[in-house]
Amino acid sequence: MSTIIYYFTGTGNSLYCARRIGDLLGDTTIVPIESEGENIALLKADNIGLVFPVYAFGLPNVVKQFIKHLSSDNKGKYFFAVATNGGRVAGALVLTRRMLETRGLKLSAGYSVIMPTNMILLHETNEEKKKKLFSSMEKKIREIVSAVKSQEYHTVEMGSMKDRILRTGMLYRSVSPFIKLMDHKFKVDQGCIGCGLCSQVCPVHNIKIKNGIPTWNHQCEMCLSCLNLCPRQAVQYGNMSEGKQRYKNPYVEVKDLMRR
């Protein structure tokens, strides 16, 4: 059976997860979600996967827009979703299921995959823990692949009721509309060499280079790709990122994260 996986990624975790699923499934096409849904070619396949990170205990806005543009022609297809996260999936997959239902589509399986966080503003993951997380990720990927090959139904994975109600139901819904404006705290320090990589890795084309300096244009996903991938660690977020160890998925190269 053929599979297509649409993925959104900032610093590579979801891309790596999508690749590993595709490698083990075979006959899989992997397509990035980088812009509004109507601009992405929707391909036909037996299985359709969505792989994305959990942001603010919910979905990245660009992923929500993508789902809103999924064609109802996909009725009857086997849909599965994988939410990569740093430890709290909360109600992200429940929200995914509900959004697909509004398109007349059914989410047959939803999985939480815990990976090292790139939200270095709040958390950092030491090397020992990273190794353990990647090891457990591989086990989870094999479980996912086994289910997809058989098109098995799998209960959507979710956090506690508290997480679903307070974090996804209340916090995420109140914060989500304003995430695109949170880029006002991004800046560059004197280490910036004007290479433009931050603009090239931004998945929503939010960064423009003007006079050799990046500017953020308030369509942000807060994926932190610009901050984490800067080769000089010159991109800062207020005073929250100074001195913090940057994160990129070690199995993904920067060139794989550069946008078209």
C-alpha atoms as a PDB file:
ATOM      1  CA  MET A   1       0.000   0.000   0.000  1.00  0.00           C
ATOM      2  CA  SER A   2       1.122   3.524  -0.720  1.00  0.00           C
ATOM      3  CA  THR A   3       1.514   6.165   1.973  1.00  0.00           C
ATOM      4  CA  ILE A   4       1.924   9.906   1.947  1.00  0.00           C
ATOM      5  CA  ILE A   5       3.128  11.746   5.020  1.00  0.00           C
ATOM      6  CA  TYR A   6       2.667  15.485   5.372  1.00  0.00           C
ATOM      7  CA  TYR A   7       4.984  16.889   8.012  1.00  0.00           C
ATOM      8  CA  PHE A   8       5.758  20.184   9.680  1.00  0.00           C
ATOM      9  CA  THR A   9       9.088  20.665  11.413  1.00  0.00           C
ATOM     10  CA  GLY A  10      11.182  23.414  12.938  1.00  0.00           C
ATOM     11  CA  THR A  11      14.474  21.841  13.939  1.00  0.00           C
ATOM     12  CA  GLY A  12      14.069  18.368  12.489  1.00  0.00           C
ATOM     13  CA  ASN A  13      12.318  16.139  15.024  1.00  0.00           C
ATOM     14  CA  SER A  14       9.118  15.689  13.043  1.00  0.00           C
ATOM     15  CA  LEU A  15      11.009  15.338   9.767  1.00  0.00           C
ATOM     16  CA  TYR A  16      13.171  12.597  11.270  1.00  0.00           C
ATOM     17  CA  CYS A  17      10.092  10.872  12.659  1.00  0.00           C
ATOM     18  CA  ALA A  18       8.344  11.054   9.267  1.00  0.00           C
ATOM     19  CA  ARG A  19      11.433   9.675   7.533  1.00  0.00           C
ATOM     20  CA  ARG A  20      11.771   6.755   9.905  1.00  0.00           C
ATOM     21  CA  ILE A  21       8.114   5.838   9.407  1.00  0.00           C
ATOM     22  CA  GLY A  22       8.533   6.114   5.644  1.00  0.00           C
ATOM     23  CA  ASP A  23      11.720   4.046   5.643  1.00  0.00           C
ATOM     24  CA  LEU A  24      10.054   1.180   7.478  1.00  0.00           C
ATOM     25  CA  LEU A  25       6.760   1.360   5.585  1.00  0.00           C
ATOM     26  CA  GLY A  26       8.235   1.617   2.105  1.00  0.00           C
ATOM     27  CA  ASP A  27       6.376   3.179  -0.868  1.00  0.00           C
ATOM     28  CA  THR A  28       6.054   6.435   1.061  1.00  0.00           C
ATOM     29  CA  THR A  29       6.142  10.028  -0.160  1.00  0.00           C
ATOM     30  CA  ILE A  30       7.055  12.705   2.391  1.00  0.00           C
ATOM     31  CA  VAL A  31       5.827  16.259   1.810  1.00  0.00           C
ATOM     32  CA  PRO A  32       6.587  19.329   3.957  1.00  0.00           C
ATOM     33  CA  ILE A  33       3.855  21.613   5.225  1.00  0.00           C
ATOM     34  CA  GLU A  34       5.453  25.020   4.819  1.00  0.00           C
ATOM     35  CA  SER A  35       2.633  27.349   3.891  1.00  0.00           C
ATOM     36  CA  GLU A  36      -1.132  27.667   3.663  1.00  0.00           C
ATOM     37  CA  GLY A  37      -2.889  24.413   2.810  1.00  0.00           C
ATOM     38  CA  GLU A  38      -4.214  25.518  -0.571  1.00  0.00           C
ATOM     39  CA  ASN A  39      -0.651  25.847  -1.870  1.00  0.00           C
ATOM     40  CA  ILE A  40       0.284  22.216  -1.160  1.00  0.00           C
ATOM     41  CA  ALA A  41      -0.338  19.541  -3.759  1.00  0.00           C
ATOM     42  CA  LEU A  42      -2.545  16.866  -2.216  1.00  0.00           C
ATOM     43  CA  LEU A  43      -1.447  13.482  -3.481  1.00  0.00           C
ATOM     44  CA  LYS A  44      -3.391  10.248  -3.547  1.00  0.00           C
ATOM     45  CA  ALA A  45      -2.401   7.277  -1.399  1.00  0.00           C
ATOM     46  CA  ASP A  46      -3.921   4.454   0.628  1.00  0.00           C
ATOM     47  CA  ASN A  47      -2.594   5.846   3.909  1.00  0.00           C
ATOM     48  CA  ILE A  48      -2.293   9.516   4.807  1.00  0.00           C
ATOM     49  CA  GLY A  49      -0.147  10.574   7.732  1.00  0.00           C
ATOM     50  CA  LEU A  50       0.271  13.877   9.531  1.00  0.00           C
ATOM     51  CA  VAL A  51       3.445  14.380  11.562  1.00  0.00           C
ATOM     52  CA  PHE A  52       3.887  17.598  13.507  1.00  0.00           C
ATOM     53  CA  PRO A  53       5.205  19.001  16.796  1.00  0.00           C
ATOM     54  CA  VAL A  54       2.996  20.032  19.694  1.00  0.00           C
ATOM     55  CA  TYR A  55       3.111  23.806  20.195  1.00  0.00           C
ATOM     56  CA  ALA A  56       1.558  25.377  23.288  1.00  0.00           C
ATOM     57  CA  PHE A  57      -0.230  22.036  23.897  1.00  0.00           C
ATOM     58  CA  GLY A  58      -1.927  22.157  20.502  1.00  0.00           C
ATOM     59  CA  LEU A  59      -1.218  22.233  16.768  1.00  0.00           C
ATOM     60  CA  PRO A  60       0.988  24.669  14.868  1.00  0.00           C
ATOM     61  CA  ASN A  61      -1.296  27.162  13.122  1.00  0.00           C
ATOM     62  CA  VAL A  62       0.056  26.179   9.709  1.00  0.00           C
ATOM     63  CA  VAL A  63      -0.951  22.553  10.361  1.00  0.00           C
ATOM     64  CA  LYS A  64      -4.465  23.626  11.302  1.00  0.00           C
ATOM     65  CA  GLN A  65      -4.715  25.587   8.053  1.00  0.00           C
ATOM     66  CA  PHE A  66      -3.488  22.568   6.132  1.00  0.00           C
ATOM     67  CA  ILE A  67      -6.137  20.300   7.658  1.00  0.00           C
ATOM     68  CA  LYS A  68      -8.823  22.849   6.779  1.00  0.00           C
ATOM     69  CA  HIS A  69      -7.878  22.439   3.128  1.00  0.00           C
ATOM     70  CA  LEU A  70      -7.874  18.651   3.044  1.00  0.00           C
ATOM     71  CA  SER A  71     -10.328  17.430   0.455  1.00  0.00           C
ATOM     72  CA  SER A  72     -13.352  15.400   1.450  1.00  0.00           C
ATOM     73  CA  ASP A  73     -12.382  13.207  -1.527  1.00  0.00           C
ATOM     74  CA  ASN A  74     -10.110  11.487   0.982  1.00  0.00           C
ATOM     75  CA  LYS A  75     -13.081   9.923   2.774  1.00  0.00           C
ATOM     76  CA  GLY A  76     -12.411   6.285   3.541  1.00  0.00           C
ATOM     77  CA  LYS A  77      -8.635   6.727   3.560  1.00  0.00           C
ATOM     78  CA  TYR A  78      -6.626   5.532   6.525  1.00  0.00           C
ATOM     79  CA  PHE A  79      -5.514   8.652   8.370  1.00  0.00           C
ATOM     80  CA  PHE A  80      -2.926   8.540  11.128  1.00  0.00           C
ATOM     81  CA  ALA A  81      -1.271  11.346  13.061  1.00  0.00           C
ATOM     82  CA  VAL A  82       1.961  11.548  15.015  1.00  0.00           C
ATOM     83  CA  ALA A  83       2.512  14.412  17.449  1.00  0.00           C
ATOM     84  CA  THR A  84       6.128  14.849  18.486  1.00  0.00           C
ATOM     85  CA  ASN A  85       6.510  16.571  21.832  1.00  0.00           C
ATOM     86  CA  GLY A  86       8.805  17.164  24.768  1.00  0.00           C
ATOM     87  CA  GLY A  87       6.633  15.277  27.235  1.00  0.00           C
ATOM     88  CA  ARG A  88       3.072  16.652  27.069  1.00  0.00           C
ATOM     89  CA  VAL A  89       0.887  15.766  24.108  1.00  0.00           C
ATOM     90  CA  ALA A  90      -2.109  17.105  26.043  1.00  0.00           C
ATOM     91  CA  GLY A  91      -5.121  17.253  23.711  1.00  0.00           C
ATOM     92  CA  ALA A  92      -3.257  17.949  20.461  1.00  0.00           C
ATOM     93  CA  LEU A  93      -4.299  14.686  18.829  1.00  0.00           C
ATOM     94  CA  VAL A  94      -7.873  15.009  20.074  1.00  0.00           C
ATOM     95  CA  LEU A  95      -7.982  18.405  18.395  1.00  0.00           C
ATOM     96  CA  THR A  96      -6.558  16.840  15.219  1.00  0.00           C
ATOM     97  CA  ARG A  97      -9.282  14.204  15.228  1.00  0.00           C
ATOM     98  CA  ARG A  98     -11.990  16.833  15.654  1.00  0.00           C
ATOM     99  CA  MET A  99     -10.605  18.988  12.862  1.00  0.00           C
ATOM    100  CA  LEU A 100     -10.495  16.033  10.476  1.00  0.00           C
ATOM    101  CA  GLU A 101     -14.084  15.185  11.388  1.00  0.00           C
ATOM    102  CA  THR A 102     -15.162  18.661  10.256  1.00  0.00           C
ATOM    103  CA  ARG A 103     -13.745  17.719   6.832  1.00  0.00           C
ATOM    104  CA  GLY A 104     -15.665  14.438   6.853  1.00  0.00           C
ATOM    105  CA  LEU A 105     -12.464  12.481   7.497  1.00  0.00           C
ATOM    106  CA  LYS A 106     -11.650   9.942  10.184  1.00  0.00           C
ATOM    107  CA  LEU A 107      -8.468   9.779  12.230  1.00  0.00           C
ATOM    108  CA  SER A 108      -7.917   6.045  12.644  1.00  0.00           C
ATOM    109  CA  ALA A 109      -4.804   6.290  14.828  1.00  0.00           C
ATOM    110  CA  GLY A 110      -3.041   9.023  16.781  1.00  0.00           C
ATOM    111  CA  TYR A 111       0.330   8.663  18.476  1.00  0.00           C
ATOM    112  CA  SER A 112       2.416  10.747  20.840  1.00  0.00           C
ATOM    113  CA  VAL A 113       6.173  10.477  20.311  1.00  0.00           C
ATOM    114  CA  ILE A 114       8.343  12.074  22.988  1.00  0.00           C
ATOM    115  CA  MET A 115      11.587  13.567  21.679  1.00  0.00           C
ATOM    116  CA  PRO A 116      14.183  16.069  22.895  1.00  0.00           C
ATOM    117  CA  THR A 117      12.634  19.523  23.086  1.00  0.00           C
ATOM    118  CA  ASN A 118      13.795  22.439  20.993  1.00  0.00           C
ATOM    119  CA  MET A 119      12.005  24.911  23.297  1.00  0.00           C
ATOM    120  CA  ILE A 120      15.284  25.913  24.867  1.00  0.00           C
ATOM    121  CA  LEU A 121      13.699  29.083  26.223  1.00  0.00           C
ATOM    122  CA  LEU A 122      12.028  26.945  28.871  1.00  0.00           C
ATOM    123  CA  HIS A 123      13.723  23.537  28.881  1.00  0.00           C
ATOM    124  CA  GLU A 124      16.999  21.912  27.946  1.00  0.00           C
ATOM    125  CA  THR A 125      17.687  18.193  27.434  1.00  0.00           C
ATOM    126  CA  ASN A 126      21.016  16.687  28.445  1.00  0.00           C
ATOM    127  CA  GLU A 127      22.845  14.263  26.167  1.00  0.00           C
ATOM    128  CA  GLU A 128      22.086  11.166  28.226  1.00  0.00           C
ATOM    129  CA  LYS A 129      18.371  11.860  28.148  1.00  0.00           C
ATOM    130  CA  LYS A 130      18.498  12.559  24.408  1.00  0.00           C
ATOM    131  CA  LYS A 131      19.933   9.081  23.787  1.00  0.00           C
ATOM    132  CA  LYS A 132      17.183   7.475  25.855  1.00  0.00           C
ATOM    133  CA  LEU A 133      14.485   9.445  24.070  1.00  0.00           C
ATOM    134  CA  PHE A 134      15.747   8.504  20.611  1.00  0.00           C
ATOM    135  CA  SER A 135      15.918   4.860  21.677  1.00  0.00           C
ATOM    136  CA  SER A 136      12.330   4.881  22.932  1.00  0.00           C
ATOM    137  CA  MET A 137      11.290   6.799  19.805  1.00  0.00           C
ATOM    138  CA  GLU A 138      12.531   3.942  17.610  1.00  0.00           C
ATOM    139  CA  LYS A 139      10.380   1.460  19.536  1.00  0.00           C
ATOM    140  CA  LYS A 140       7.347   3.709  19.155  1.00  0.00           C
ATOM    141  CA  ILE A 141       7.974   4.155  15.428  1.00  0.00           C
ATOM    142  CA  ARG A 142       7.950   0.387  14.919  1.00  0.00           C
ATOM    143  CA  GLU A 143       4.644   0.185  16.766  1.00  0.00           C
ATOM    144  CA  ILE A 144       3.213   2.890  14.528  1.00  0.00           C
ATOM    145  CA  VAL A 145       4.488   1.252  11.346  1.00  0.00           C
ATOM    146  CA  SER A 146       3.021  -2.110  12.336  1.00  0.00           C
ATOM    147  CA  ALA A 147      -0.399  -0.522  12.853  1.00  0.00           C
ATOM    148  CA  VAL A 148      -0.305   1.483   9.612  1.00  0.00           C
ATOM    149  CA  LYS A 149       0.714  -1.551   7.550  1.00  0.00           C
ATOM    150  CA  SER A 150      -2.369  -3.369   8.841  1.00  0.00           C
ATOM    151  CA  GLN A 151      -4.508  -0.209   8.844  1.00  0.00           C
ATOM    152  CA  GLU A 152      -5.360  -0.938  12.451  1.00  0.00           C
ATOM    153  CA  TYR A 153      -7.521   1.356  14.535  1.00  0.00           C
ATOM    154  CA  HIS A 154      -5.616   2.801  17.477  1.00  0.00           C
ATOM    155  CA  THR A 155      -7.142   4.983  20.179  1.00  0.00           C
ATOM    156  CA  VAL A 156      -5.892   8.542  19.918  1.00  0.00           C
ATOM    157  CA  GLU A 157      -3.254   9.101  22.586  1.00  0.00           C
ATOM    158  CA  MET A 158      -3.832  12.006  24.924  1.00  0.00           C
ATOM    159  CA  GLY A 159      -2.685  13.568  28.161  1.00  0.00           C
ATOM    160  CA  SER A 160      -4.605  13.763  31.419  1.00  0.00           C
ATOM    161  CA  MET A 161      -8.013  15.408  31.586  1.00  0.00           C
ATOM    162  CA  LYS A 162      -6.315  18.375  33.274  1.00  0.00           C
ATOM    163  CA  ASP A 163      -3.916  18.714  30.354  1.00  0.00           C
ATOM    164  CA  ARG A 164      -6.708  18.449  27.811  1.00  0.00           C
ATOM    165  CA  ILE A 165      -9.021  20.928  29.503  1.00  0.00           C
ATOM    166  CA  LEU A 166      -6.623  23.486  30.960  1.00  0.00           C
ATOM    167  CA  ARG A 167      -3.657  23.319  28.620  1.00  0.00           C
ATOM    168  CA  THR A 168      -5.242  22.538  25.238  1.00  0.00           C
ATOM    169  CA  GLY A 169      -8.827  23.589  25.844  1.00  0.00           C
ATOM    170  CA  MET A 170      -8.066  26.886  27.575  1.00  0.00           C
ATOM    171  CA  LEU A 171      -4.406  27.924  27.307  1.00  0.00           C
ATOM    172  CA  TYR A 172      -3.838  26.854  23.710  1.00  0.00           C
ATOM    173  CA  ARG A 173      -7.114  28.260  22.433  1.00  0.00           C
ATOM    174  CA  SER A 174      -6.435  31.622  24.081  1.00  0.00           C
ATOM    175  CA  VAL A 175      -2.767  31.841  23.018  1.00  0.00           C
ATOM    176  CA  SER A 176      -2.924  30.343  19.514  1.00  0.00           C
ATOM    177  CA  PRO A 177      -4.244  33.440  17.692  1.00  0.00           C
ATOM    178  CA  PHE A 178      -1.362  35.527  19.065  1.00  0.00           C
ATOM    179  CA  ILE A 179       1.555  33.161  18.445  1.00  0.00           C
ATOM    180  CA  LYS A 180       2.312  34.781  15.094  1.00  0.00           C
ATOM    181  CA  LEU A 181       2.986  38.061  16.914  1.00  0.00           C
ATOM    182  CA  MET A 182       5.373  36.582  19.471  1.00  0.00           C
ATOM    183  CA  ASP A 183       8.291  37.130  17.124  1.00  0.00           C
ATOM    184  CA  HIS A 184       8.617  40.721  18.363  1.00  0.00           C
ATOM    185  CA  LYS A 185      11.248  39.568  20.870  1.00  0.00           C
ATOM    186  CA  PHE A 186      13.565  38.017  18.287  1.00  0.00           C
ATOM    187  CA  LYS A 187      16.746  39.945  17.645  1.00  0.00           C
ATOM    188  CA  VAL A 188      20.333  39.382  16.573  1.00  0.00           C
ATOM    189  CA  ASP A 189      23.425  40.228  18.564  1.00  0.00           C
ATOM    190  CA  GLN A 190      26.793  41.415  17.298  1.00  0.00           C
ATOM    191  CA  GLY A 191      27.687  37.866  16.218  1.00  0.00           C
ATOM    192  CA  CYS A 192      25.305  38.060  13.231  1.00  0.00           C
ATOM    193  CA  ILE A 193      27.165  37.846   9.917  1.00  0.00           C
ATOM    194  CA  GLY A 194      24.125  38.379   7.700  1.00  0.00           C
ATOM    195  CA  CYS A 195      24.313  34.884   6.170  1.00  0.00           C
ATOM    196  CA  GLY A 196      20.519  34.690   5.760  1.00  0.00           C
ATOM    197  CA  LEU A 197      20.217  31.108   7.010  1.00  0.00           C
ATOM    198  CA  CYS A 198      17.520  32.121   9.485  1.00  0.00           C
ATOM    199  CA  SER A 199      15.369  33.235   6.565  1.00  0.00           C
ATOM    200  CA  GLN A 200      16.064  30.054   4.603  1.00  0.00           C
ATOM    201  CA  VAL A 201      15.054  27.710   7.429  1.00  0.00           C
ATOM    202  CA  CYS A 202      11.884  29.558   8.443  1.00  0.00           C
ATOM    203  CA  PRO A 203       9.038  27.167   7.480  1.00  0.00           C
ATOM    204  CA  VAL A 204       6.513  29.966   7.006  1.00  0.00           C
ATOM    205  CA  HIS A 205       8.772  32.479   5.234  1.00  0.00           C
ATOM    206  CA  ASN A 206       8.418  34.950   8.096  1.00  0.00           C
ATOM    207  CA  ILE A 207      11.978  36.298   8.049  1.00  0.00           C
ATOM    208  CA  LYS A 208      13.302  38.800   5.520  1.00  0.00           C
ATOM    209  CA  ILE A 209      16.874  40.044   5.301  1.00  0.00           C
ATOM    210  CA  LYS A 210      17.130  43.826   5.084  1.00  0.00           C
ATOM    211  CA  ASN A 211      20.524  45.508   4.882  1.00  0.00           C
ATOM    212  CA  GLY A 212      22.126  42.284   6.053  1.00  0.00           C
ATOM    213  CA  ILE A 213      19.935  42.037   9.159  1.00  0.00           C
ATOM    214  CA  PRO A 214      16.974  39.645   9.635  1.00  0.00           C
ATOM    215  CA  THR A 215      13.554  41.084  10.352  1.00  0.00           C
ATOM    216  CA  TRP A 216      10.577  39.108  11.629  1.00  0.00           C
ATOM    217  CA  ASN A 217       7.208  39.894  10.050  1.00  0.00           C
ATOM    218  CA  HIS A 218       4.603  38.664  12.521  1.00  0.00           C
ATOM    219  CA  GLN A 219       3.548  35.424  10.855  1.00  0.00           C
ATOM    220  CA  CYS A 220       5.603  33.332  13.269  1.00  0.00           C
ATOM    221  CA  GLU A 221       5.003  29.749  14.395  1.00  0.00           C
ATOM    222  CA  MET A 222       7.540  30.016  17.259  1.00  0.00           C
ATOM    223  CA  CYS A 223       9.209  26.868  15.916  1.00  0.00           C
ATOM    224  CA  LEU A 224      12.558  28.425  16.944  1.00  0.00           C
ATOM    225  CA  SER A 225      14.316  27.179  13.820  1.00  0.00           C
ATOM    226  CA  CYS A 226      15.910  30.609  13.330  1.00  0.00           C
ATOM    227  CA  LEU A 227      17.226  30.664  16.882  1.00  0.00           C
ATOM    228  CA  ASN A 228      18.380  27.064  17.088  1.00  0.00           C
ATOM    229  CA  LEU A 229      19.966  26.799  13.648  1.00  0.00           C
ATOM    230  CA  CYS A 230      21.898  30.071  13.487  1.00  0.00           C
ATOM    231  CA  PRO A 231      25.531  29.023  12.895  1.00  0.00           C
ATOM    232  CA  ARG A 232      26.798  31.853  15.122  1.00  0.00           C
ATOM    233  CA  GLN A 233      24.086  31.515  17.802  1.00  0.00           C
ATOM    234  CA  ALA A 234      23.456  35.177  17.101  1.00  0.00           C
ATOM    235  CA  VAL A 235      19.664  34.993  17.059  1.00  0.00           C
ATOM    236  CA  GLN A 236      18.256  35.683  20.511  1.00  0.00           C
ATOM    237  CA  TYR A 237      14.788  35.819  22.017  1.00  0.00           C
ATOM    238  CA  GLY A 238      14.855  38.699  24.445  1.00  0.00           C
ATOM    239  CA  ASN A 239      17.155  37.628  27.262  1.00  0.00           C
ATOM    240  CA  MET A 240      15.699  34.114  27.473  1.00  0.00           C
ATOM    241  CA  SER A 241      18.072  32.374  25.067  1.00  0.00           C
ATOM    242  CA  GLU A 242      21.463  33.816  25.932  1.00  0.00           C
ATOM    243  CA  GLY A 243      23.881  31.110  27.003  1.00  0.00           C
ATOM    244  CA  LYS A 244      21.410  28.306  26.216  1.00  0.00           C
ATOM    245  CA  GLN A 245      22.542  25.242  24.280  1.00  0.00           C
ATOM    246  CA  ARG A 246      20.885  25.202  20.846  1.00  0.00           C
ATOM    247  CA  TYR A 247      19.071  22.134  19.542  1.00  0.00           C
ATOM    248  CA  LYS A 248      18.839  20.488  16.130  1.00  0.00           C
ATOM    249  CA  ASN A 249      17.830  16.894  15.536  1.00  0.00           C
ATOM    250  CA  PRO A 250      21.204  15.134  15.186  1.00  0.00           C
ATOM    251  CA  TYR A 251      19.963  12.863  12.380  1.00  0.00           C
ATOM    252  CA  VAL A 252      18.828  15.705  10.129  1.00  0.00           C
ATOM    253  CA  GLU A 253      21.122  18.095   8.283  1.00  0.00           C
ATOM    254  CA  VAL A 254      20.533  21.834   8.124  1.00  0.00           C
ATOM    255  CA  LYS A 255      20.202  21.634   4.334  1.00  0.00           C
ATOM    256  CA  ASP A 256      17.190  19.340   4.844  1.00  0.00           C
ATOM    257  CA  LEU A 257      15.505  22.126   6.776  1.00  0.00           C
ATOM    258  CA  MET A 258      16.078  24.853   4.211  1.00  0.00           C
ATOM    259  CA  ARG A 259      12.809  25.850   2.552  1.00  0.00           C
ATOM    260  CA  ARG A 260      12.064  26.114  -1.124  1.00  0.00           C
END
